[in-house]
Amino acid sequence: MEQNYLIVTDSTCDLPASYYEEHGVPVIAMHFTIDGDLYADGDPAMPAKQFYDKIRAGSMPSTAQVTPEEASQFLTPFLEQGKDILYICFSSGLSGTCGSVRIAAQDLMEQYPGRKIVVVDSLCASLGEGLLVHHAVLRRDQGDSLEEVARWLEENKLHLCHFFTVDDLHHLHRGGRVSKTAAVVGSMLGIKPVLHVDDEGHLIPISKIRGRRQSLDELVKHMVRLVGQNKNPIFFVSHGDAPEDAEYVAKQVKERTGISQCLINTIGPVIGAHSGPGTVALFFLGDSRR
């Protein structure tokens, strides 16, 4: 049954462009700057591979949140088409974008009193946000109303588990996640931190693992521990230009959980600016986030 509402999200979902097109999900692009040039997330002029190669060569990217004005301009045409909007936002614990969208939504509903905009703070990042969008799309396609999908998202978003590891501690230091000393010493010792996104949507280090392969195995261990009775017809893996490591994690999950479906995609520049090359992340529904 066709629904008279749109599921809208932002580019930090890190889903493939083909997914948005296939499922009719409009995406607002966040922006980043590298080597003095401004780009939109997903801009073909700066593909992910080139972006990560620039970081490896020493470039220091920066990112910008969506402003209320940008959100308003993006959403207005859909309201004029007579559509209601369910907006699934990047974690408020990592960006002010969700706050900007809420400001825009309030103003727009006053301008278009017959239309409805529901904003859900996903408290998720990268393909964690993407997996939440995917579940929303599935529920929309089975006929659930905007209110029903929004309710499901609010009730289940804290079951969306994020576990990831990074290859270079210096990017986490730049983002204020570890001290400079920890970054230098950890890198010398081959320490690979494992992090997750907590119930407030913040990025939290939870363990330090020596060795790359061991850190990848640790991601899978967390999934095996937490998945419980949650139905996971599919799990997602994202990576910062580390496709072989992402495939390794996916293979281990399939062998240990029996879940056969997986979506793997590259972490886009806006998330990758903070996580760096070599990041590998695993996303699934679990009993709790930790």
C-alpha atoms as a PDB file:
ATOM      1  CA  MET A   1       0.000   0.000   0.000  1.00  0.00           C
ATOM      2  CA  GLU A   2       1.427   3.374  -1.023  1.00  0.00           C
ATOM      3  CA  GLN A   3       1.978   5.683   1.917  1.00  0.00           C
ATOM      4  CA  ASN A   4       1.629   9.458   1.770  1.00  0.00           C
ATOM      5  CA  TYR A   5       4.827  10.128   3.635  1.00  0.00           C
ATOM      6  CA  LEU A   6       8.537  10.084   2.915  1.00  0.00           C
ATOM      7  CA  ILE A   7      11.343   8.630   4.989  1.00  0.00           C
ATOM      8  CA  VAL A   8      14.117  11.230   4.826  1.00  0.00           C
ATOM      9  CA  THR A   9      17.604  11.021   6.289  1.00  0.00           C
ATOM     10  CA  ASP A  10      21.093  12.500   6.045  1.00  0.00           C
ATOM     11  CA  SER A  11      24.218  11.310   4.268  1.00  0.00           C
ATOM     12  CA  THR A  12      25.884  10.089   7.463  1.00  0.00           C
ATOM     13  CA  CYS A  13      23.801   6.900   7.001  1.00  0.00           C
ATOM     14  CA  ASP A  14      26.568   5.686   4.660  1.00  0.00           C
ATOM     15  CA  LEU A  15      24.101   3.622   2.636  1.00  0.00           C
ATOM     16  CA  PRO A  16      24.872   3.132  -1.066  1.00  0.00           C
ATOM     17  CA  ALA A  17      23.393   5.770  -3.383  1.00  0.00           C
ATOM     18  CA  SER A  18      21.542   2.968  -5.156  1.00  0.00           C
ATOM     19  CA  TYR A  19      19.704   2.143  -1.928  1.00  0.00           C
ATOM     20  CA  TYR A  20      18.245   5.634  -1.605  1.00  0.00           C
ATOM     21  CA  GLU A  21      17.165   5.585  -5.234  1.00  0.00           C
ATOM     22  CA  GLU A  22      15.617   2.115  -5.069  1.00  0.00           C
ATOM     23  CA  HIS A  23      13.652   2.802  -1.892  1.00  0.00           C
ATOM     24  CA  GLY A  24      12.690   6.433  -2.500  1.00  0.00           C
ATOM     25  CA  VAL A  25      14.584   7.895   0.469  1.00  0.00           C
ATOM     26  CA  PRO A  26      15.640  11.541  -0.014  1.00  0.00           C
ATOM     27  CA  VAL A  27      19.013  12.314   1.585  1.00  0.00           C
ATOM     28  CA  ILE A  28      20.367  15.661   2.676  1.00  0.00           C
ATOM     29  CA  ALA A  29      24.108  15.857   2.118  1.00  0.00           C
ATOM     30  CA  MET A  30      26.334  17.069   4.906  1.00  0.00           C
ATOM     31  CA  HIS A  31      29.516  18.897   3.930  1.00  0.00           C
ATOM     32  CA  PHE A  32      33.233  18.511   4.509  1.00  0.00           C
ATOM     33  CA  THR A  33      36.353  20.471   3.672  1.00  0.00           C
ATOM     34  CA  ILE A  34      39.669  18.958   2.643  1.00  0.00           C
ATOM     35  CA  ASP A  35      42.747  20.770   1.319  1.00  0.00           C
ATOM     36  CA  GLY A  36      40.762  24.010   1.447  1.00  0.00           C
ATOM     37  CA  ASP A  37      37.968  22.790  -0.837  1.00  0.00           C
ATOM     38  CA  LEU A  38      34.334  22.289   0.220  1.00  0.00           C
ATOM     39  CA  TYR A  39      32.441  19.184  -0.880  1.00  0.00           C
ATOM     40  CA  ALA A  40      29.047  17.612  -0.276  1.00  0.00           C
ATOM     41  CA  ASP A  41      29.065  14.097   1.154  1.00  0.00           C
ATOM     42  CA  GLY A  42      28.842  11.747  -1.813  1.00  0.00           C
ATOM     43  CA  ASP A  43      30.212  14.281  -4.295  1.00  0.00           C
ATOM     44  CA  PRO A  44      31.668  12.295  -7.247  1.00  0.00           C
ATOM     45  CA  ALA A  45      34.432  14.908  -7.451  1.00  0.00           C
ATOM     46  CA  MET A  46      35.810  13.479  -4.189  1.00  0.00           C
ATOM     47  CA  PRO A  47      35.199   9.712  -4.094  1.00  0.00           C
ATOM     48  CA  ALA A  48      35.857   7.894  -0.836  1.00  0.00           C
ATOM     49  CA  LYS A  49      39.044   6.202  -2.075  1.00  0.00           C
ATOM     50  CA  GLN A  50      40.594   9.545  -3.047  1.00  0.00           C
ATOM     51  CA  PHE A  51      39.437  11.074   0.245  1.00  0.00           C
ATOM     52  CA  TYR A  52      41.124   8.377   2.336  1.00  0.00           C
ATOM     53  CA  ASP A  53      44.284   8.524   0.239  1.00  0.00           C
ATOM     54  CA  LYS A  54      44.474  12.256   0.975  1.00  0.00           C
ATOM     55  CA  ILE A  55      44.177  11.597   4.705  1.00  0.00           C
ATOM     56  CA  ARG A  56      46.922   8.985   4.502  1.00  0.00           C
ATOM     57  CA  ALA A  57      49.067  11.613   2.789  1.00  0.00           C
ATOM     58  CA  GLY A  58      48.498  14.057   5.657  1.00  0.00           C
ATOM     59  CA  SER A  59      45.392  16.058   4.749  1.00  0.00           C
ATOM     60  CA  MET A  60      43.222  17.117   7.693  1.00  0.00           C
ATOM     61  CA  PRO A  61      39.519  17.268   6.768  1.00  0.00           C
ATOM     62  CA  SER A  62      36.824  19.081   8.716  1.00  0.00           C
ATOM     63  CA  THR A  63      33.038  18.740   8.669  1.00  0.00           C
ATOM     64  CA  ALA A  64      29.996  20.969   9.113  1.00  0.00           C
ATOM     65  CA  GLN A  65      26.543  20.204  10.465  1.00  0.00           C
ATOM     66  CA  VAL A  66      23.372  20.917   8.516  1.00  0.00           C
ATOM     67  CA  THR A  67      21.925  24.344   9.343  1.00  0.00           C
ATOM     68  CA  PRO A  68      18.210  25.024   9.942  1.00  0.00           C
ATOM     69  CA  GLU A  69      18.139  26.993   6.677  1.00  0.00           C
ATOM     70  CA  GLU A  70      19.625  24.092   4.700  1.00  0.00           C
ATOM     71  CA  ALA A  71      17.178  21.642   6.281  1.00  0.00           C
ATOM     72  CA  SER A  72      14.239  23.936   5.507  1.00  0.00           C
ATOM     73  CA  GLN A  73      15.261  24.358   1.871  1.00  0.00           C
ATOM     74  CA  PHE A  74      15.673  20.615   1.475  1.00  0.00           C
ATOM     75  CA  LEU A  75      12.335  19.648   3.057  1.00  0.00           C
ATOM     76  CA  THR A  76      10.085  22.361   1.612  1.00  0.00           C
ATOM     77  CA  PRO A  77       9.588  20.801  -1.863  1.00  0.00           C
ATOM     78  CA  PHE A  78       8.275  17.570  -0.324  1.00  0.00           C
ATOM     79  CA  LEU A  79       5.719  19.462   1.746  1.00  0.00           C
ATOM     80  CA  GLU A  80       4.638  21.376  -1.345  1.00  0.00           C
ATOM     81  CA  GLN A  81       4.056  18.014  -3.031  1.00  0.00           C
ATOM     82  CA  GLY A  82       1.615  17.168  -0.230  1.00  0.00           C
ATOM     83  CA  LYS A  83       3.910  14.678   1.519  1.00  0.00           C
ATOM     84  CA  ASP A  84       4.396  14.213   5.248  1.00  0.00           C
ATOM     85  CA  ILE A  85       7.948  13.512   6.428  1.00  0.00           C
ATOM     86  CA  LEU A  86       9.571  11.060   8.806  1.00  0.00           C
ATOM     87  CA  TYR A  87      13.106  12.348   9.253  1.00  0.00           C
ATOM     88  CA  ILE A  88      15.682   9.951  10.763  1.00  0.00           C
ATOM     89  CA  CYS A  89      18.608  12.052  12.026  1.00  0.00           C
ATOM     90  CA  PHE A  90      22.294  11.506  12.704  1.00  0.00           C
ATOM     91  CA  SER A  91      22.968  11.120  16.431  1.00  0.00           C
ATOM     92  CA  SER A  92      22.514  14.312  18.447  1.00  0.00           C
ATOM     93  CA  GLY A  93      25.413  13.056  20.563  1.00  0.00           C
ATOM     94  CA  LEU A  94      27.763  13.537  17.612  1.00  0.00           C
ATOM     95  CA  SER A  95      26.340  16.480  15.662  1.00  0.00           C
ATOM     96  CA  GLY A  96      24.015  19.439  15.953  1.00  0.00           C
ATOM     97  CA  THR A  97      22.278  18.442  12.723  1.00  0.00           C
ATOM     98  CA  CYS A  98      19.302  16.882  14.514  1.00  0.00           C
ATOM     99  CA  GLY A  99      18.706  20.119  16.415  1.00  0.00           C
ATOM    100  CA  SER A 100      18.823  22.071  13.158  1.00  0.00           C
ATOM    101  CA  VAL A 101      16.290  19.754  11.519  1.00  0.00           C
ATOM    102  CA  ARG A 102      13.949  20.083  14.509  1.00  0.00           C
ATOM    103  CA  ILE A 103      14.098  23.885  14.300  1.00  0.00           C
ATOM    104  CA  ALA A 104      13.352  23.712  10.569  1.00  0.00           C
ATOM    105  CA  ALA A 105      10.536  21.205  11.099  1.00  0.00           C
ATOM    106  CA  GLN A 106       8.804  23.419  13.657  1.00  0.00           C
ATOM    107  CA  ASP A 107       8.962  26.437  11.379  1.00  0.00           C
ATOM    108  CA  LEU A 108       7.788  24.473   8.338  1.00  0.00           C
ATOM    109  CA  MET A 109       4.786  22.958  10.107  1.00  0.00           C
ATOM    110  CA  GLU A 110       3.674  26.498  10.937  1.00  0.00           C
ATOM    111  CA  GLN A 111       4.016  27.436   7.267  1.00  0.00           C
ATOM    112  CA  TYR A 112       2.296  24.249   6.079  1.00  0.00           C
ATOM    113  CA  PRO A 113      -0.310  23.530   8.794  1.00  0.00           C
ATOM    114  CA  GLY A 114      -1.779  20.589   6.886  1.00  0.00           C
ATOM    115  CA  ARG A 115       1.533  18.719   6.792  1.00  0.00           C
ATOM    116  CA  LYS A 116       3.345  16.688   9.417  1.00  0.00           C
ATOM    117  CA  ILE A 117       7.089  16.315  10.079  1.00  0.00           C
ATOM    118  CA  VAL A 118       8.250  13.796  12.695  1.00  0.00           C
ATOM    119  CA  VAL A 119      11.957  13.957  13.584  1.00  0.00           C
ATOM    120  CA  VAL A 120      13.583  10.900  15.163  1.00  0.00           C
ATOM    121  CA  ASP A 121      17.002  11.296  16.753  1.00  0.00           C
ATOM    122  CA  SER A 122      18.521   7.963  15.755  1.00  0.00           C
ATOM    123  CA  LEU A 123      21.321   8.158  18.344  1.00  0.00           C
ATOM    124  CA  CYS A 124      23.149   6.226  15.617  1.00  0.00           C
ATOM    125  CA  ALA A 125      26.000   6.813  13.202  1.00  0.00           C
ATOM    126  CA  SER A 126      27.188   5.507   9.842  1.00  0.00           C
ATOM    127  CA  LEU A 127      25.527   2.242   8.828  1.00  0.00           C
ATOM    128  CA  GLY A 128      24.009   2.043  12.309  1.00  0.00           C
ATOM    129  CA  GLU A 129      21.843   4.953  11.250  1.00  0.00           C
ATOM    130  CA  GLY A 130      21.557   3.251   7.877  1.00  0.00           C
ATOM    131  CA  LEU A 131      20.305   0.011   9.421  1.00  0.00           C
ATOM    132  CA  LEU A 132      17.684   1.937  11.380  1.00  0.00           C
ATOM    133  CA  VAL A 133      16.579   3.590   8.122  1.00  0.00           C
ATOM    134  CA  HIS A 134      16.442   0.144   6.491  1.00  0.00           C
ATOM    135  CA  HIS A 135      14.108  -1.192   9.181  1.00  0.00           C
ATOM    136  CA  ALA A 136      11.931   1.902   8.770  1.00  0.00           C
ATOM    137  CA  VAL A 137      11.756   1.314   5.008  1.00  0.00           C
ATOM    138  CA  LEU A 138      10.747  -2.327   5.550  1.00  0.00           C
ATOM    139  CA  ARG A 139       7.955  -1.285   7.897  1.00  0.00           C
ATOM    140  CA  ARG A 140       6.760   1.453   5.567  1.00  0.00           C
ATOM    141  CA  ASP A 141       6.666  -1.016   2.683  1.00  0.00           C
ATOM    142  CA  GLN A 142       4.594  -3.480   4.688  1.00  0.00           C
ATOM    143  CA  GLY A 143       1.989  -0.729   5.161  1.00  0.00           C
ATOM    144  CA  ASP A 144       2.837   0.850   8.513  1.00  0.00           C
ATOM    145  CA  SER A 145       1.809   4.467   8.951  1.00  0.00           C
ATOM    146  CA  LEU A 146       4.249   7.295   9.691  1.00  0.00           C
ATOM    147  CA  GLU A 147       3.218   7.196  13.351  1.00  0.00           C
ATOM    148  CA  GLU A 148       3.651   3.421  13.557  1.00  0.00           C
ATOM    149  CA  VAL A 149       7.124   3.512  12.034  1.00  0.00           C
ATOM    150  CA  ALA A 150       8.167   6.433  14.259  1.00  0.00           C
ATOM    151  CA  ARG A 151       6.945   4.554  17.322  1.00  0.00           C
ATOM    152  CA  TRP A 152       8.898   1.444  16.325  1.00  0.00           C
ATOM    153  CA  LEU A 153      12.047   3.529  15.815  1.00  0.00           C
ATOM    154  CA  GLU A 154      11.765   5.165  19.237  1.00  0.00           C
ATOM    155  CA  GLU A 155      11.135   1.800  20.914  1.00  0.00           C
ATOM    156  CA  ASN A 156      13.982  -0.008  19.142  1.00  0.00           C
ATOM    157  CA  LYS A 157      16.749   2.486  18.384  1.00  0.00           C
ATOM    158  CA  LEU A 158      18.647   1.659  21.572  1.00  0.00           C
ATOM    159  CA  HIS A 159      18.793  -1.951  20.371  1.00  0.00           C
ATOM    160  CA  LEU A 160      20.814  -0.825  17.355  1.00  0.00           C
ATOM    161  CA  CYS A 161      24.332  -1.912  18.313  1.00  0.00           C
ATOM    162  CA  HIS A 162      27.492  -0.261  16.960  1.00  0.00           C
ATOM    163  CA  PHE A 163      30.934  -1.798  17.456  1.00  0.00           C
ATOM    164  CA  PHE A 164      33.980  -0.626  15.566  1.00  0.00           C
ATOM    165  CA  THR A 165      37.729  -0.485  15.595  1.00  0.00           C
ATOM    166  CA  VAL A 166      40.155   1.990  14.073  1.00  0.00           C
ATOM    167  CA  ASP A 167      43.538   1.396  12.520  1.00  0.00           C
ATOM    168  CA  ASP A 168      45.150   4.685  13.589  1.00  0.00           C
ATOM    169  CA  LEU A 169      44.660   6.177  17.064  1.00  0.00           C
ATOM    170  CA  HIS A 170      45.780   9.624  15.893  1.00  0.00           C
ATOM    171  CA  HIS A 171      42.421  10.293  14.248  1.00  0.00           C
ATOM    172  CA  LEU A 172      40.653   9.586  17.540  1.00  0.00           C
ATOM    173  CA  HIS A 173      43.076  11.928  19.288  1.00  0.00           C
ATOM    174  CA  ARG A 174      42.248  14.685  16.795  1.00  0.00           C
ATOM    175  CA  GLY A 175      38.572  14.164  17.585  1.00  0.00           C
ATOM    176  CA  GLY A 176      39.223  14.344  21.327  1.00  0.00           C
ATOM    177  CA  ARG A 177      38.519  10.630  21.976  1.00  0.00           C
ATOM    178  CA  VAL A 178      41.993   9.678  23.242  1.00  0.00           C
ATOM    179  CA  SER A 179      44.944  11.649  24.596  1.00  0.00           C
ATOM    180  CA  LYS A 180      48.008  12.405  22.498  1.00  0.00           C
ATOM    181  CA  THR A 181      50.103  10.167  24.751  1.00  0.00           C
ATOM    182  CA  ALA A 182      47.652   7.287  24.377  1.00  0.00           C
ATOM    183  CA  ALA A 183      47.684   7.751  20.602  1.00  0.00           C
ATOM    184  CA  VAL A 184      51.482   7.725  20.360  1.00  0.00           C
ATOM    185  CA  VAL A 185      52.074   4.861  22.805  1.00  0.00           C
ATOM    186  CA  GLY A 186      49.128   2.831  21.521  1.00  0.00           C
ATOM    187  CA  SER A 187      50.308   3.138  17.935  1.00  0.00           C
ATOM    188  CA  MET A 188      53.811   2.022  18.913  1.00  0.00           C
ATOM    189  CA  LEU A 189      52.436  -1.027  20.696  1.00  0.00           C
ATOM    190  CA  GLY A 190      49.962  -1.933  17.947  1.00  0.00           C
ATOM    191  CA  ILE A 191      46.957  -1.181  20.155  1.00  0.00           C
ATOM    192  CA  LYS A 192      43.638  -1.149  18.312  1.00  0.00           C
ATOM    193  CA  PRO A 193      40.782   0.300  20.361  1.00  0.00           C
ATOM    194  CA  VAL A 194      37.262  -1.061  20.128  1.00  0.00           C
ATOM    195  CA  LEU A 195      34.524   1.541  20.525  1.00  0.00           C
ATOM    196  CA  HIS A 196      30.755   1.664  20.522  1.00  0.00           C
ATOM    197  CA  VAL A 197      27.955   4.252  20.419  1.00  0.00           C
ATOM    198  CA  ASP A 198      26.216   4.488  23.788  1.00  0.00           C
ATOM    199  CA  ASP A 199      22.588   5.160  24.729  1.00  0.00           C
ATOM    200  CA  GLU A 200      23.160   8.929  24.466  1.00  0.00           C
ATOM    201  CA  GLY A 201      24.584   8.552  20.971  1.00  0.00           C
ATOM    202  CA  HIS A 202      28.162   9.288  22.009  1.00  0.00           C
ATOM    203  CA  LEU A 203      31.287   7.548  20.776  1.00  0.00           C
ATOM    204  CA  ILE A 204      32.811   5.580  23.684  1.00  0.00           C
ATOM    205  CA  PRO A 205      36.048   3.513  23.796  1.00  0.00           C
ATOM    206  CA  ILE A 206      35.373   0.210  25.580  1.00  0.00           C
ATOM    207  CA  SER A 207      38.520  -1.897  25.181  1.00  0.00           C
ATOM    208  CA  LYS A 208      42.069  -1.946  23.839  1.00  0.00           C
ATOM    209  CA  ILE A 209      43.098  -4.922  21.740  1.00  0.00           C
ATOM    210  CA  ARG A 210      46.631  -5.688  20.581  1.00  0.00           C
ATOM    211  CA  GLY A 211      46.664  -6.591  16.889  1.00  0.00           C
ATOM    212  CA  ARG A 212      44.435  -5.819  13.946  1.00  0.00           C
ATOM    213  CA  ARG A 213      42.951  -9.280  13.414  1.00  0.00           C
ATOM    214  CA  GLN A 214      42.196  -9.612  17.120  1.00  0.00           C
ATOM    215  CA  SER A 215      40.349  -6.287  17.118  1.00  0.00           C
ATOM    216  CA  LEU A 216      38.195  -7.428  14.184  1.00  0.00           C
ATOM    217  CA  ASP A 217      37.402 -10.669  16.007  1.00  0.00           C
ATOM    218  CA  GLU A 218      36.387  -8.611  19.038  1.00  0.00           C
ATOM    219  CA  LEU A 219      33.635  -6.911  17.026  1.00  0.00           C
ATOM    220  CA  VAL A 220      32.146 -10.293  16.197  1.00  0.00           C
ATOM    221  CA  LYS A 221      32.396 -11.462  19.809  1.00  0.00           C
ATOM    222  CA  HIS A 222      30.289  -8.496  20.899  1.00  0.00           C
ATOM    223  CA  MET A 223      27.629  -9.376  18.351  1.00  0.00           C
ATOM    224  CA  VAL A 224      27.506 -13.022  19.425  1.00  0.00           C
ATOM    225  CA  ARG A 225      27.193 -11.870  23.034  1.00  0.00           C
ATOM    226  CA  LEU A 226      24.443  -9.304  22.467  1.00  0.00           C
ATOM    227  CA  VAL A 227      22.287 -10.484  19.578  1.00  0.00           C
ATOM    228  CA  GLY A 228      20.013 -12.548  21.874  1.00  0.00           C
ATOM    229  CA  GLN A 229      16.558 -13.276  20.485  1.00  0.00           C
ATOM    230  CA  ASN A 230      16.521 -10.203  18.267  1.00  0.00           C
ATOM    231  CA  LYS A 231      15.601 -10.931  14.675  1.00  0.00           C
ATOM    232  CA  ASN A 232      18.441  -9.897  12.389  1.00  0.00           C
ATOM    233  CA  PRO A 233      17.571 -10.869   8.830  1.00  0.00           C
ATOM    234  CA  ILE A 234      20.532  -8.716   7.820  1.00  0.00           C
ATOM    235  CA  PHE A 235      23.555  -7.043   9.442  1.00  0.00           C
ATOM    236  CA  PHE A 236      25.632  -4.145   8.139  1.00  0.00           C
ATOM    237  CA  VAL A 237      29.401  -3.578   7.989  1.00  0.00           C
ATOM    238  CA  SER A 238      31.035  -0.271   7.068  1.00  0.00           C
ATOM    239  CA  HIS A 239      34.716   0.449   6.501  1.00  0.00           C
ATOM    240  CA  GLY A 240      37.146   3.277   5.864  1.00  0.00           C
ATOM    241  CA  ASP A 241      38.748   1.960   2.668  1.00  0.00           C
ATOM    242  CA  ALA A 242      39.415  -1.462   4.228  1.00  0.00           C
ATOM    243  CA  PRO A 243      37.235  -3.806   2.127  1.00  0.00           C
ATOM    244  CA  GLU A 244      39.169  -6.985   2.895  1.00  0.00           C
ATOM    245  CA  ASP A 245      38.853  -6.464   6.639  1.00  0.00           C
ATOM    246  CA  ALA A 246      35.133  -5.719   6.260  1.00  0.00           C
ATOM    247  CA  GLU A 247      34.692  -8.951   4.299  1.00  0.00           C
ATOM    248  CA  TYR A 248      36.574 -10.822   7.015  1.00  0.00           C
ATOM    249  CA  VAL A 249      34.204  -9.515   9.708  1.00  0.00           C
ATOM    250  CA  ALA A 250      31.157 -10.355   7.593  1.00  0.00           C
ATOM    251  CA  LYS A 251      32.430 -13.904   7.040  1.00  0.00           C
ATOM    252  CA  GLN A 252      33.002 -14.416  10.759  1.00  0.00           C
ATOM    253  CA  VAL A 253      29.510 -13.118  11.620  1.00  0.00           C
ATOM    254  CA  LYS A 254      27.880 -15.424   9.084  1.00  0.00           C
ATOM    255  CA  GLU A 255      29.772 -18.432  10.431  1.00  0.00           C
ATOM    256  CA  ARG A 256      29.091 -17.669  14.091  1.00  0.00           C
ATOM    257  CA  THR A 257      25.487 -16.451  13.930  1.00  0.00           C
ATOM    258  CA  GLY A 258      24.021 -18.105  10.851  1.00  0.00           C
ATOM    259  CA  ILE A 259      22.800 -14.727   9.520  1.00  0.00           C
ATOM    260  CA  SER A 260      23.425 -14.909   5.788  1.00  0.00           C
ATOM    261  CA  GLN A 261      22.466 -11.446   4.566  1.00  0.00           C
ATOM    262  CA  CYS A 262      24.917  -8.573   4.882  1.00  0.00           C
ATOM    263  CA  LEU A 263      25.329  -5.107   3.415  1.00  0.00           C
ATOM    264  CA  ILE A 264      28.890  -3.781   3.245  1.00  0.00           C
ATOM    265  CA  ASN A 265      29.657  -0.195   2.273  1.00  0.00           C
ATOM    266  CA  THR A 266      32.400   2.402   2.577  1.00  0.00           C
ATOM    267  CA  ILE A 267      32.234   5.000   5.345  1.00  0.00           C
ATOM    268  CA  GLY A 268      31.614   8.355   3.693  1.00  0.00           C
ATOM    269  CA  PRO A 269      33.870  11.397   4.133  1.00  0.00           C
ATOM    270  CA  VAL A 270      31.793  13.135   6.829  1.00  0.00           C
ATOM    271  CA  ILE A 271      32.076  10.166   9.208  1.00  0.00           C
ATOM    272  CA  GLY A 272      35.476   9.152   7.833  1.00  0.00           C
ATOM    273  CA  ALA A 273      36.928  12.582   8.614  1.00  0.00           C
ATOM    274  CA  HIS A 274      36.730  11.628  12.288  1.00  0.00           C
ATOM    275  CA  SER A 275      37.322   7.853  12.186  1.00  0.00           C
ATOM    276  CA  GLY A 276      40.066   7.781   9.557  1.00  0.00           C
ATOM    277  CA  PRO A 277      41.253   5.150   7.078  1.00  0.00           C
ATOM    278  CA  GLY A 278      41.108   1.525   8.167  1.00  0.00           C
ATOM    279  CA  THR A 279      38.032   1.813  10.380  1.00  0.00           C
ATOM    280  CA  VAL A 280      35.768  -1.251  10.395  1.00  0.00           C
ATOM    281  CA  ALA A 281      32.328  -1.162  12.018  1.00  0.00           C
ATOM    282  CA  LEU A 282      29.635  -3.784  12.676  1.00  0.00           C
ATOM    283  CA  PHE A 283      25.918  -3.023  13.170  1.00  0.00           C
ATOM    284  CA  PHE A 284      23.045  -5.230  14.277  1.00  0.00           C
ATOM    285  CA  LEU A 285      20.010  -5.417  16.572  1.00  0.00           C
ATOM    286  CA  GLY A 286      20.836  -6.684  20.058  1.00  0.00           C
ATOM    287  CA  ASP A 287      19.502  -6.913  23.589  1.00  0.00           C
ATOM    288  CA  SER A 288      21.286  -3.676  24.510  1.00  0.00           C
ATOM    289  CA  ARG A 289      24.005  -1.459  23.070  1.00  0.00           C
ATOM    290  CA  ARG A 290      26.708  -2.700  25.395  1.00  0.00           C
END
